[in-house]
Amino acid sequence: MEIKHVVIAGSVPARSERLSFAQLQELTGLHPTVVGELIELGWISPERTTAETYLFRSRDVYRLRKLDRIQRDFELPLLGASIVVDLLERIEYLEGKVNELNKLL
């Protein structure tokens, strides 16, 4: 007897661009309490599902990795490292704006 698998179009869920808490931990290596503190500070703002779980963006992974690296390299407390990351992102944004304005000249 031959068994065939039938996949009905539209029955396979689309791949989500959001990451679960477990996936975030796996990708960043950060302890759950650290991530919880950053959520409480409002430094990262994950979406909440109806099941009261968090969903994170890939941008959060990038920011958390940068935060962890800066915290370890410069031996900074969590809050200090988060301020440094915020300032670096602000500098990057402003440099982009300066480049846009220079192109207009």
PDB file of N, CA and C in Angstrom:
ATOM      1  N   MET A   1       0.841  -1.177   0.000  1.00  0.00           N
ATOM      2  CA  MET A   1       0.000   0.000   0.000  1.00  0.00           C
ATOM      3  C   MET A   1       0.883   1.235   0.000  1.00  0.00           C
ATOM      4  N   GLU A   2       0.602   2.158  -0.864  1.00  0.00           N
ATOM      5  CA  GLU A   2       1.378   3.390  -0.989  1.00  0.00           C
ATOM      6  C   GLU A   2       0.656   4.514  -0.234  1.00  0.00           C
ATOM      7  N   ILE A   3       1.400   5.193   0.593  1.00  0.00           N
ATOM      8  CA  ILE A   3       0.821   6.301   1.357  1.00  0.00           C
ATOM      9  C   ILE A   3       1.311   7.598   0.756  1.00  0.00           C
ATOM     10  N   LYS A   4       0.384   8.458   0.474  1.00  0.00           N
ATOM     11  CA  LYS A   4       0.732   9.762  -0.087  1.00  0.00           C
ATOM     12  C   LYS A   4       0.328  10.847   0.902  1.00  0.00           C
ATOM     13  N   HIS A   5       1.159  11.832   0.984  1.00  0.00           N
ATOM     14  CA  HIS A   5       0.853  12.986   1.831  1.00  0.00           C
ATOM     15  C   HIS A   5       0.296  14.091   0.955  1.00  0.00           C
ATOM     16  N   VAL A   6      -0.808  14.617   1.371  1.00  0.00           N
ATOM     17  CA  VAL A   6      -1.436  15.694   0.621  1.00  0.00           C
ATOM     18  C   VAL A   6      -1.344  16.965   1.445  1.00  0.00           C
ATOM     19  N   VAL A   7      -0.821  17.995   0.839  1.00  0.00           N
ATOM     20  CA  VAL A   7      -0.745  19.296   1.502  1.00  0.00           C
ATOM     21  C   VAL A   7      -1.710  20.212   0.779  1.00  0.00           C
ATOM     22  N   ILE A   8      -2.658  20.717   1.528  1.00  0.00           N
ATOM     23  CA  ILE A   8      -3.651  21.613   0.951  1.00  0.00           C
ATOM     24  C   ILE A   8      -3.101  23.033   1.008  1.00  0.00           C
ATOM     25  N   ALA A   9      -3.176  23.727  -0.103  1.00  0.00           N
ATOM     26  CA  ALA A   9      -2.673  25.100  -0.154  1.00  0.00           C
ATOM     27  C   ALA A   9      -3.347  25.938   0.918  1.00  0.00           C
ATOM     28  N   GLY A  10      -2.546  26.677   1.615  1.00  0.00           N
ATOM     29  CA  GLY A  10      -3.076  27.539   2.664  1.00  0.00           C
ATOM     30  C   GLY A  10      -3.167  26.866   4.017  1.00  0.00           C
ATOM     31  N   SER A  11      -2.891  25.567   4.076  1.00  0.00           N
ATOM     32  CA  SER A  11      -2.994  24.872   5.360  1.00  0.00           C
ATOM     33  C   SER A  11      -1.697  24.938   6.162  1.00  0.00           C
ATOM     34  N   VAL A  12      -0.603  25.241   5.500  1.00  0.00           N
ATOM     35  CA  VAL A  12       0.679  25.345   6.185  1.00  0.00           C
ATOM     36  C   VAL A  12       0.839  26.772   6.687  1.00  0.00           C
ATOM     37  N   PRO A  13       1.077  26.941   7.978  1.00  0.00           N
ATOM     38  CA  PRO A  13       1.192  28.300   8.499  1.00  0.00           C
ATOM     39  C   PRO A  13       2.416  29.015   7.926  1.00  0.00           C
ATOM     40  N   ALA A  14       2.279  30.293   7.725  1.00  0.00           N
ATOM     41  CA  ALA A  14       3.379  31.104   7.215  1.00  0.00           C
ATOM     42  C   ALA A  14       4.452  31.236   8.286  1.00  0.00           C
ATOM     43  N   ARG A  15       5.678  31.275   7.847  1.00  0.00           N
ATOM     44  CA  ARG A  15       6.798  31.429   8.779  1.00  0.00           C
ATOM     45  C   ARG A  15       6.729  32.808   9.427  1.00  0.00           C
ATOM     46  N   SER A  16       6.822  32.833  10.731  1.00  0.00           N
ATOM     47  CA  SER A  16       6.732  34.087  11.467  1.00  0.00           C
ATOM     48  C   SER A  16       8.088  34.778  11.505  1.00  0.00           C
ATOM     49  N   GLU A  17       8.059  36.084  11.479  1.00  0.00           N
ATOM     50  CA  GLU A  17       9.284  36.853  11.616  1.00  0.00           C
ATOM     51  C   GLU A  17       9.561  37.160  13.078  1.00  0.00           C
ATOM     52  N   ARG A  18       8.723  36.694  13.951  1.00  0.00           N
ATOM     53  CA  ARG A  18       8.878  36.911  15.383  1.00  0.00           C
ATOM     54  C   ARG A  18       9.521  35.687  16.030  1.00  0.00           C
ATOM     55  N   LEU A  19      10.236  35.933  17.116  1.00  0.00           N
ATOM     56  CA  LEU A  19      10.940  34.863  17.827  1.00  0.00           C
ATOM     57  C   LEU A  19      10.342  34.666  19.206  1.00  0.00           C
ATOM     58  N   SER A  20      10.314  33.435  19.642  1.00  0.00           N
ATOM     59  CA  SER A  20       9.821  33.138  20.988  1.00  0.00           C
ATOM     60  C   SER A  20      10.908  33.483  22.002  1.00  0.00           C
ATOM     61  N   PHE A  21      10.519  33.473  23.280  1.00  0.00           N
ATOM     62  CA  PHE A  21      11.467  33.740  24.354  1.00  0.00           C
ATOM     63  C   PHE A  21      12.602  32.719  24.325  1.00  0.00           C
ATOM     64  N   ALA A  22      12.261  31.445  24.099  1.00  0.00           N
ATOM     65  CA  ALA A  22      13.276  30.386  24.049  1.00  0.00           C
ATOM     66  C   ALA A  22      14.235  30.591  22.882  1.00  0.00           C
ATOM     67  N   GLN A  23      13.712  30.982  21.730  1.00  0.00           N
ATOM     68  CA  GLN A  23      14.563  31.243  20.571  1.00  0.00           C
ATOM     69  C   GLN A  23      15.488  32.428  20.833  1.00  0.00           C
ATOM     70  N   LEU A  24      14.952  33.456  21.460  1.00  0.00           N
ATOM     71  CA  LEU A  24      15.756  34.627  21.783  1.00  0.00           C
ATOM     72  C   LEU A  24      16.901  34.239  22.717  1.00  0.00           C
ATOM     73  N   GLN A  25      16.601  33.455  23.719  1.00  0.00           N
ATOM     74  CA  GLN A  25      17.626  33.002  24.659  1.00  0.00           C
ATOM     75  C   GLN A  25      18.705  32.195  23.947  1.00  0.00           C
ATOM     76  N   GLU A  26      18.275  31.320  23.060  1.00  0.00           N
ATOM     77  CA  GLU A  26      19.217  30.481  22.331  1.00  0.00           C
ATOM     78  C   GLU A  26      20.140  31.331  21.455  1.00  0.00           C
ATOM     79  N   LEU A  27      19.593  32.356  20.833  1.00  0.00           N
ATOM     80  CA  LEU A  27      20.378  33.192  19.923  1.00  0.00           C
ATOM     81  C   LEU A  27      21.267  34.202  20.639  1.00  0.00           C
ATOM     82  N   THR A  28      20.894  34.600  21.849  1.00  0.00           N
ATOM     83  CA  THR A  28      21.671  35.616  22.558  1.00  0.00           C
ATOM     84  C   THR A  28      22.494  35.051  23.708  1.00  0.00           C
ATOM     85  N   GLY A  29      22.046  33.954  24.290  1.00  0.00           N
ATOM     86  CA  GLY A  29      22.729  33.377  25.432  1.00  0.00           C
ATOM     87  C   GLY A  29      22.500  34.131  26.726  1.00  0.00           C
ATOM     88  N   LEU A  30      21.575  35.086  26.713  1.00  0.00           N
ATOM     89  CA  LEU A  30      21.302  35.877  27.912  1.00  0.00           C
ATOM     90  C   LEU A  30      20.383  35.133  28.870  1.00  0.00           C
ATOM     91  N   HIS A  31      20.590  35.357  30.141  1.00  0.00           N
ATOM     92  CA  HIS A  31      19.764  34.744  31.180  1.00  0.00           C
ATOM     93  C   HIS A  31      18.359  35.359  31.122  1.00  0.00           C
ATOM     94  N   PRO A  32      17.321  34.571  31.379  1.00  0.00           N
ATOM     95  CA  PRO A  32      15.951  35.090  31.327  1.00  0.00           C
ATOM     96  C   PRO A  32      15.712  36.304  32.233  1.00  0.00           C
ATOM     97  N   THR A  33      16.389  36.368  33.382  1.00  0.00           N
ATOM     98  CA  THR A  33      16.177  37.526  34.261  1.00  0.00           C
ATOM     99  C   THR A  33      16.726  38.802  33.645  1.00  0.00           C
ATOM    100  N   VAL A  34      17.814  38.685  32.888  1.00  0.00           N
ATOM    101  CA  VAL A  34      18.380  39.853  32.207  1.00  0.00           C
ATOM    102  C   VAL A  34      17.390  40.358  31.161  1.00  0.00           C
ATOM    103  N   VAL A  35      16.857  39.440  30.381  1.00  0.00           N
ATOM    104  CA  VAL A  35      15.871  39.818  29.360  1.00  0.00           C
ATOM    105  C   VAL A  35      14.648  40.434  30.035  1.00  0.00           C
ATOM    106  N   GLY A  36      14.212  39.842  31.148  1.00  0.00           N
ATOM    107  CA  GLY A  36      13.074  40.386  31.895  1.00  0.00           C
ATOM    108  C   GLY A  36      13.332  41.800  32.382  1.00  0.00           C
ATOM    109  N   GLU A  37      14.541  42.050  32.888  1.00  0.00           N
ATOM    110  CA  GLU A  37      14.888  43.404  33.346  1.00  0.00           C
ATOM    111  C   GLU A  37      14.822  44.402  32.203  1.00  0.00           C
ATOM    112  N   LEU A  38      15.320  44.004  31.038  1.00  0.00           N
ATOM    113  CA  LEU A  38      15.325  44.897  29.883  1.00  0.00           C
ATOM    114  C   LEU A  38      13.915  45.171  29.381  1.00  0.00           C
ATOM    115  N   ILE A  39      13.043  44.187  29.503  1.00  0.00           N
ATOM    116  CA  ILE A  39      11.637  44.390  29.138  1.00  0.00           C
ATOM    117  C   ILE A  39      11.004  45.379  30.113  1.00  0.00           C
ATOM    118  N   GLU A  40      11.271  45.202  31.417  1.00  0.00           N
ATOM    119  CA  GLU A  40      10.730  46.117  32.429  1.00  0.00           C
ATOM    120  C   GLU A  40      11.236  47.536  32.239  1.00  0.00           C
ATOM    121  N   LEU A  41      12.496  47.682  31.816  1.00  0.00           N
ATOM    122  CA  LEU A  41      13.061  49.010  31.564  1.00  0.00           C
ATOM    123  C   LEU A  41      12.479  49.638  30.299  1.00  0.00           C
ATOM    124  N   GLY A  42      11.848  48.818  29.470  1.00  0.00           N
ATOM    125  CA  GLY A  42      11.327  49.311  28.204  1.00  0.00           C
ATOM    126  C   GLY A  42      12.394  49.385  27.128  1.00  0.00           C
ATOM    127  N   TRP A  43      13.537  48.761  27.389  1.00  0.00           N
ATOM    128  CA  TRP A  43      14.641  48.801  26.435  1.00  0.00           C
ATOM    129  C   TRP A  43      14.344  47.933  25.218  1.00  0.00           C
ATOM    130  N   ILE A  44      13.658  46.839  25.447  1.00  0.00           N
ATOM    131  CA  ILE A  44      13.104  46.050  24.339  1.00  0.00           C
ATOM    132  C   ILE A  44      11.609  45.926  24.610  1.00  0.00           C
ATOM    133  N   SER A  45      10.839  45.939  23.554  1.00  0.00           N
ATOM    134  CA  SER A  45       9.379  45.905  23.689  1.00  0.00           C
ATOM    135  C   SER A  45       8.794  44.784  22.848  1.00  0.00           C
ATOM    136  N   PRO A  46       8.824  43.569  23.367  1.00  0.00           N
ATOM    137  CA  PRO A  46       8.257  42.453  22.600  1.00  0.00           C
ATOM    138  C   PRO A  46       6.738  42.542  22.544  1.00  0.00           C
ATOM    139  N   GLU A  47       6.181  41.880  21.563  1.00  0.00           N
ATOM    140  CA  GLU A  47       4.725  41.778  21.479  1.00  0.00           C
ATOM    141  C   GLU A  47       4.264  40.698  22.447  1.00  0.00           C
ATOM    142  N   ARG A  48       3.066  40.861  22.954  1.00  0.00           N
ATOM    143  CA  ARG A  48       2.487  39.827  23.828  1.00  0.00           C
ATOM    144  C   ARG A  48       1.384  39.122  23.073  1.00  0.00           C
ATOM    145  N   THR A  49       1.361  37.808  23.208  1.00  0.00           N
ATOM    146  CA  THR A  49       0.330  37.019  22.555  1.00  0.00           C
ATOM    147  C   THR A  49      -0.843  36.848  23.505  1.00  0.00           C
ATOM    148  N   THR A  50      -1.893  36.267  23.000  1.00  0.00           N
ATOM    149  CA  THR A  50      -3.055  36.006  23.846  1.00  0.00           C
ATOM    150  C   THR A  50      -2.735  34.969  24.915  1.00  0.00           C
ATOM    151  N   ALA A  51      -1.704  34.165  24.677  1.00  0.00           N
ATOM    152  CA  ALA A  51      -1.280  33.155  25.652  1.00  0.00           C
ATOM    153  C   ALA A  51      -0.303  33.759  26.669  1.00  0.00           C
ATOM    154  N   GLU A  52      -0.190  35.086  26.675  1.00  0.00           N
ATOM    155  CA  GLU A  52       0.698  35.802  27.598  1.00  0.00           C
ATOM    156  C   GLU A  52       2.168  35.398  27.440  1.00  0.00           C
ATOM    157  N   THR A  53       2.574  35.156  26.215  1.00  0.00           N
ATOM    158  CA  THR A  53       3.988  34.901  25.940  1.00  0.00           C
ATOM    159  C   THR A  53       4.518  36.076  25.124  1.00  0.00           C
ATOM    160  N   TYR A  54       5.831  36.195  25.085  1.00  0.00           N
ATOM    161  CA  TYR A  54       6.472  37.284  24.347  1.00  0.00           C
ATOM    162  C   TYR A  54       6.913  36.817  22.976  1.00  0.00           C
ATOM    163  N   LEU A  55       6.835  37.717  22.015  1.00  0.00           N
ATOM    164  CA  LEU A  55       7.381  37.501  20.683  1.00  0.00           C
ATOM    165  C   LEU A  55       8.337  38.646  20.383  1.00  0.00           C
ATOM    166  N   PHE A  56       9.555  38.306  19.994  1.00  0.00           N
ATOM    167  CA  PHE A  56      10.605  39.297  19.775  1.00  0.00           C
ATOM    168  C   PHE A  56      10.908  39.453  18.292  1.00  0.00           C
ATOM    169  N   ARG A  57      11.464  40.608  17.927  1.00  0.00           N
ATOM    170  CA  ARG A  57      11.881  40.878  16.554  1.00  0.00           C
ATOM    171  C   ARG A  57      13.351  40.496  16.396  1.00  0.00           C
ATOM    172  N   SER A  58      13.785  40.297  15.161  1.00  0.00           N
ATOM    173  CA  SER A  58      15.194  39.974  14.922  1.00  0.00           C
ATOM    174  C   SER A  58      16.075  41.157  15.340  1.00  0.00           C
ATOM    175  N   ARG A  59      15.549  42.356  15.261  1.00  0.00           N
ATOM    176  CA  ARG A  59      16.276  43.549  15.704  1.00  0.00           C
ATOM    177  C   ARG A  59      16.613  43.443  17.193  1.00  0.00           C
ATOM    178  N   ASP A  60      15.722  42.851  17.978  1.00  0.00           N
ATOM    179  CA  ASP A  60      15.977  42.667  19.409  1.00  0.00           C
ATOM    180  C   ASP A  60      17.197  41.778  19.633  1.00  0.00           C
ATOM    181  N   VAL A  61      17.339  40.740  18.812  1.00  0.00           N
ATOM    182  CA  VAL A  61      18.485  39.834  18.928  1.00  0.00           C
ATOM    183  C   VAL A  61      19.773  40.618  18.685  1.00  0.00           C
ATOM    184  N   TYR A  62      19.786  41.425  17.644  1.00  0.00           N
ATOM    185  CA  TYR A  62      20.959  42.236  17.315  1.00  0.00           C
ATOM    186  C   TYR A  62      21.312  43.175  18.466  1.00  0.00           C
ATOM    187  N   ARG A  63      20.310  43.879  18.990  1.00  0.00           N
ATOM    188  CA  ARG A  63      20.545  44.817  20.095  1.00  0.00           C
ATOM    189  C   ARG A  63      21.031  44.093  21.347  1.00  0.00           C
ATOM    190  N   LEU A  64      20.445  42.946  21.655  1.00  0.00           N
ATOM    191  CA  LEU A  64      20.839  42.206  22.853  1.00  0.00           C
ATOM    192  C   LEU A  64      22.257  41.649  22.737  1.00  0.00           C
ATOM    193  N   ARG A  65      22.627  41.210  21.555  1.00  0.00           N
ATOM    194  CA  ARG A  65      23.998  40.729  21.356  1.00  0.00           C
ATOM    195  C   ARG A  65      24.995  41.879  21.537  1.00  0.00           C
ATOM    196  N   LYS A  66      24.641  43.025  20.959  1.00  0.00           N
ATOM    197  CA  LYS A  66      25.507  44.198  21.095  1.00  0.00           C
ATOM    198  C   LYS A  66      25.613  44.605  22.563  1.00  0.00           C
ATOM    199  N   LEU A  67      24.499  44.610  23.264  1.00  0.00           N
ATOM    200  CA  LEU A  67      24.468  44.941  24.681  1.00  0.00           C
ATOM    201  C   LEU A  67      25.365  43.990  25.477  1.00  0.00           C
ATOM    202  N   ASP A  68      25.230  42.715  25.233  1.00  0.00           N
ATOM    203  CA  ASP A  68      26.013  41.725  25.956  1.00  0.00           C
ATOM    204  C   ASP A  68      27.506  41.911  25.698  1.00  0.00           C
ATOM    205  N   ARG A  69      27.861  42.144  24.454  1.00  0.00           N
ATOM    206  CA  ARG A  69      29.269  42.332  24.099  1.00  0.00           C
ATOM    207  C   ARG A  69      29.849  43.576  24.781  1.00  0.00           C
ATOM    208  N   ILE A  70      29.121  44.677  24.739  1.00  0.00           N
ATOM    209  CA  ILE A  70      29.597  45.910  25.364  1.00  0.00           C
ATOM    210  C   ILE A  70      29.678  45.760  26.871  1.00  0.00           C
ATOM    211  N   GLN A  71      28.696  45.108  27.445  1.00  0.00           N
ATOM    212  CA  GLN A  71      28.683  44.905  28.898  1.00  0.00           C
ATOM    213  C   GLN A  71      29.895  44.080  29.341  1.00  0.00           C
ATOM    214  N   ARG A  72      30.185  43.016  28.616  1.00  0.00           N
ATOM    215  CA  ARG A  72      31.316  42.160  28.976  1.00  0.00           C
ATOM    216  C   ARG A  72      32.657  42.840  28.687  1.00  0.00           C
ATOM    217  N   ASP A  73      32.793  43.451  27.490  1.00  0.00           N
ATOM    218  CA  ASP A  73      34.067  44.055  27.091  1.00  0.00           C
ATOM    219  C   ASP A  73      34.472  45.214  28.000  1.00  0.00           C
ATOM    220  N   PHE A  74      33.501  46.016  28.405  1.00  0.00           N
ATOM    221  CA  PHE A  74      33.808  47.198  29.213  1.00  0.00           C
ATOM    222  C   PHE A  74      33.433  47.040  30.684  1.00  0.00           C
ATOM    223  N   GLU A  75      32.992  45.824  31.034  1.00  0.00           N
ATOM    224  CA  GLU A  75      32.614  45.509  32.414  1.00  0.00           C
ATOM    225  C   GLU A  75      31.643  46.551  32.978  1.00  0.00           C
ATOM    226  N   LEU A  76      30.584  46.803  32.224  1.00  0.00           N
ATOM    227  CA  LEU A  76      29.570  47.779  32.605  1.00  0.00           C
ATOM    228  C   LEU A  76      28.365  47.089  33.219  1.00  0.00           C
ATOM    229  N   PRO A  77      27.652  47.792  34.082  1.00  0.00           N
ATOM    230  CA  PRO A  77      26.372  47.251  34.555  1.00  0.00           C
ATOM    231  C   PRO A  77      25.370  47.264  33.406  1.00  0.00           C
ATOM    232  N   LEU A  78      24.318  46.510  33.564  1.00  0.00           N
ATOM    233  CA  LEU A  78      23.309  46.374  32.514  1.00  0.00           C
ATOM    234  C   LEU A  78      22.769  47.727  32.055  1.00  0.00           C
ATOM    235  N   LEU A  79      22.414  48.570  32.992  1.00  0.00           N
ATOM    236  CA  LEU A  79      21.852  49.879  32.643  1.00  0.00           C
ATOM    237  C   LEU A  79      22.861  50.727  31.876  1.00  0.00           C
ATOM    238  N   GLY A  80      24.118  50.715  32.304  1.00  0.00           N
ATOM    239  CA  GLY A  80      25.156  51.477  31.611  1.00  0.00           C
ATOM    240  C   GLY A  80      25.362  50.997  30.187  1.00  0.00           C
ATOM    241  N   ALA A  81      25.393  49.685  30.019  1.00  0.00           N
ATOM    242  CA  ALA A  81      25.574  49.121  28.678  1.00  0.00           C
ATOM    243  C   ALA A  81      24.385  49.444  27.777  1.00  0.00           C
ATOM    244  N   SER A  82      23.183  49.448  28.344  1.00  0.00           N
ATOM    245  CA  SER A  82      22.000  49.769  27.531  1.00  0.00           C
ATOM    246  C   SER A  82      22.049  51.227  27.062  1.00  0.00           C
ATOM    247  N   ILE A  83      22.567  52.119  27.898  1.00  0.00           N
ATOM    248  CA  ILE A  83      22.708  53.524  27.509  1.00  0.00           C
ATOM    249  C   ILE A  83      23.733  53.652  26.386  1.00  0.00           C
ATOM    250  N   VAL A  84      24.834  52.926  26.483  1.00  0.00           N
ATOM    251  CA  VAL A  84      25.858  52.959  25.441  1.00  0.00           C
ATOM    252  C   VAL A  84      25.277  52.482  24.114  1.00  0.00           C
ATOM    253  N   VAL A  85      24.529  51.382  24.134  1.00  0.00           N
ATOM    254  CA  VAL A  85      23.927  50.870  22.901  1.00  0.00           C
ATOM    255  C   VAL A  85      22.952  51.898  22.323  1.00  0.00           C
ATOM    256  N   ASP A  86      22.143  52.508  23.166  1.00  0.00           N
ATOM    257  CA  ASP A  86      21.216  53.539  22.695  1.00  0.00           C
ATOM    258  C   ASP A  86      21.962  54.690  22.028  1.00  0.00           C
ATOM    259  N   LEU A  87      23.049  55.124  22.649  1.00  0.00           N
ATOM    260  CA  LEU A  87      23.831  56.227  22.085  1.00  0.00           C
ATOM    261  C   LEU A  87      24.498  55.835  20.772  1.00  0.00           C
ATOM    262  N   LEU A  88      25.014  54.614  20.686  1.00  0.00           N
ATOM    263  CA  LEU A  88      25.612  54.144  19.434  1.00  0.00           C
ATOM    264  C   LEU A  88      24.581  54.092  18.313  1.00  0.00           C
ATOM    265  N   GLU A  89      23.374  53.646  18.632  1.00  0.00           N
ATOM    266  CA  GLU A  89      22.305  53.601  17.628  1.00  0.00           C
ATOM    267  C   GLU A  89      21.913  55.010  17.193  1.00  0.00           C
ATOM    268  N   ARG A  90      21.896  55.921  18.137  1.00  0.00           N
ATOM    269  CA  ARG A  90      21.566  57.319  17.821  1.00  0.00           C
ATOM    270  C   ARG A  90      22.632  57.925  16.911  1.00  0.00           C
ATOM    271  N   ILE A  91      23.899  57.644  17.198  1.00  0.00           N
ATOM    272  CA  ILE A  91      24.992  58.137  16.355  1.00  0.00           C
ATOM    273  C   ILE A  91      24.865  57.573  14.946  1.00  0.00           C
ATOM    274  N   GLU A  92      24.584  56.294  14.843  1.00  0.00           N
ATOM    275  CA  GLU A  92      24.419  55.648  13.539  1.00  0.00           C
ATOM    276  C   GLU A  92      23.275  56.299  12.752  1.00  0.00           C
ATOM    277  N   TYR A  93      22.171  56.563  13.423  1.00  0.00           N
ATOM    278  CA  TYR A  93      21.024  57.213  12.791  1.00  0.00           C
ATOM    279  C   TYR A  93      21.400  58.612  12.299  1.00  0.00           C
ATOM    280  N   LEU A  94      22.059  59.383  13.152  1.00  0.00           N
ATOM    281  CA  LEU A  94      22.432  60.754  12.790  1.00  0.00           C
ATOM    282  C   LEU A  94      23.464  60.780  11.667  1.00  0.00           C
ATOM    283  N   GLU A  95      24.393  59.838  11.663  1.00  0.00           N
ATOM    284  CA  GLU A  95      25.354  59.756  10.563  1.00  0.00           C
ATOM    285  C   GLU A  95      24.643  59.476   9.248  1.00  0.00           C
ATOM    286  N   GLY A  96      23.631  58.642   9.288  1.00  0.00           N
ATOM    287  CA  GLY A  96      22.839  58.372   8.086  1.00  0.00           C
ATOM    288  C   GLY A  96      22.144  59.627   7.589  1.00  0.00           C
ATOM    289  N   LYS A  97      21.596  60.408   8.517  1.00  0.00           N
ATOM    290  CA  LYS A  97      20.937  61.665   8.134  1.00  0.00           C
ATOM    291  C   LYS A  97      21.934  62.649   7.530  1.00  0.00           C
ATOM    292  N   VAL A  98      23.131  62.749   8.106  1.00  0.00           N
ATOM    293  CA  VAL A  98      24.170  63.640   7.576  1.00  0.00           C
ATOM    294  C   VAL A  98      24.538  63.216   6.162  1.00  0.00           C
ATOM    295  N   ASN A  99      24.682  61.901   5.950  1.00  0.00           N
ATOM    296  CA  ASN A  99      24.998  61.412   4.603  1.00  0.00           C
ATOM    297  C   ASN A  99      23.896  61.755   3.606  1.00  0.00           C
ATOM    298  N   GLU A 100      22.633  61.632   4.030  1.00  0.00           N
ATOM    299  CA  GLU A 100      21.522  61.996   3.154  1.00  0.00           C
ATOM    300  C   GLU A 100      21.570  63.475   2.793  1.00  0.00           C
ATOM    301  N   LEU A 101      21.846  64.309   3.765  1.00  0.00           N
ATOM    302  CA  LEU A 101      21.914  65.756   3.525  1.00  0.00           C
ATOM    303  C   LEU A 101      23.099  66.112   2.637  1.00  0.00           C
ATOM    304  N   ASN A 102      24.230  65.421   2.819  1.00  0.00           N
ATOM    305  CA  ASN A 102      25.391  65.685   1.964  1.00  0.00           C
ATOM    306  C   ASN A 102      25.106  65.337   0.510  1.00  0.00           C
ATOM    307  N   LYS A 103      24.306  64.326   0.280  1.00  0.00           N
ATOM    308  CA  LYS A 103      23.948  63.952  -1.090  1.00  0.00           C
ATOM    309  C   LYS A 103      23.105  65.014  -1.761  1.00  0.00           C
ATOM    310  N   LEU A 104      22.357  65.772  -0.968  1.00  0.00           N
ATOM    311  CA  LEU A 104      21.494  66.821  -1.503  1.00  0.00           C
ATOM    312  C   LEU A 104      22.288  68.079  -1.886  1.00  0.00           C
ATOM    313  N   LEU A 105      23.492  68.211  -1.360  1.00  0.00           N
ATOM    314  CA  LEU A 105      24.308  69.415  -1.651  1.00  0.00           C
ATOM    315  C   LEU A 105      24.967  69.360  -2.980  1.00  0.00           C
TER     316      LEU A 105
END
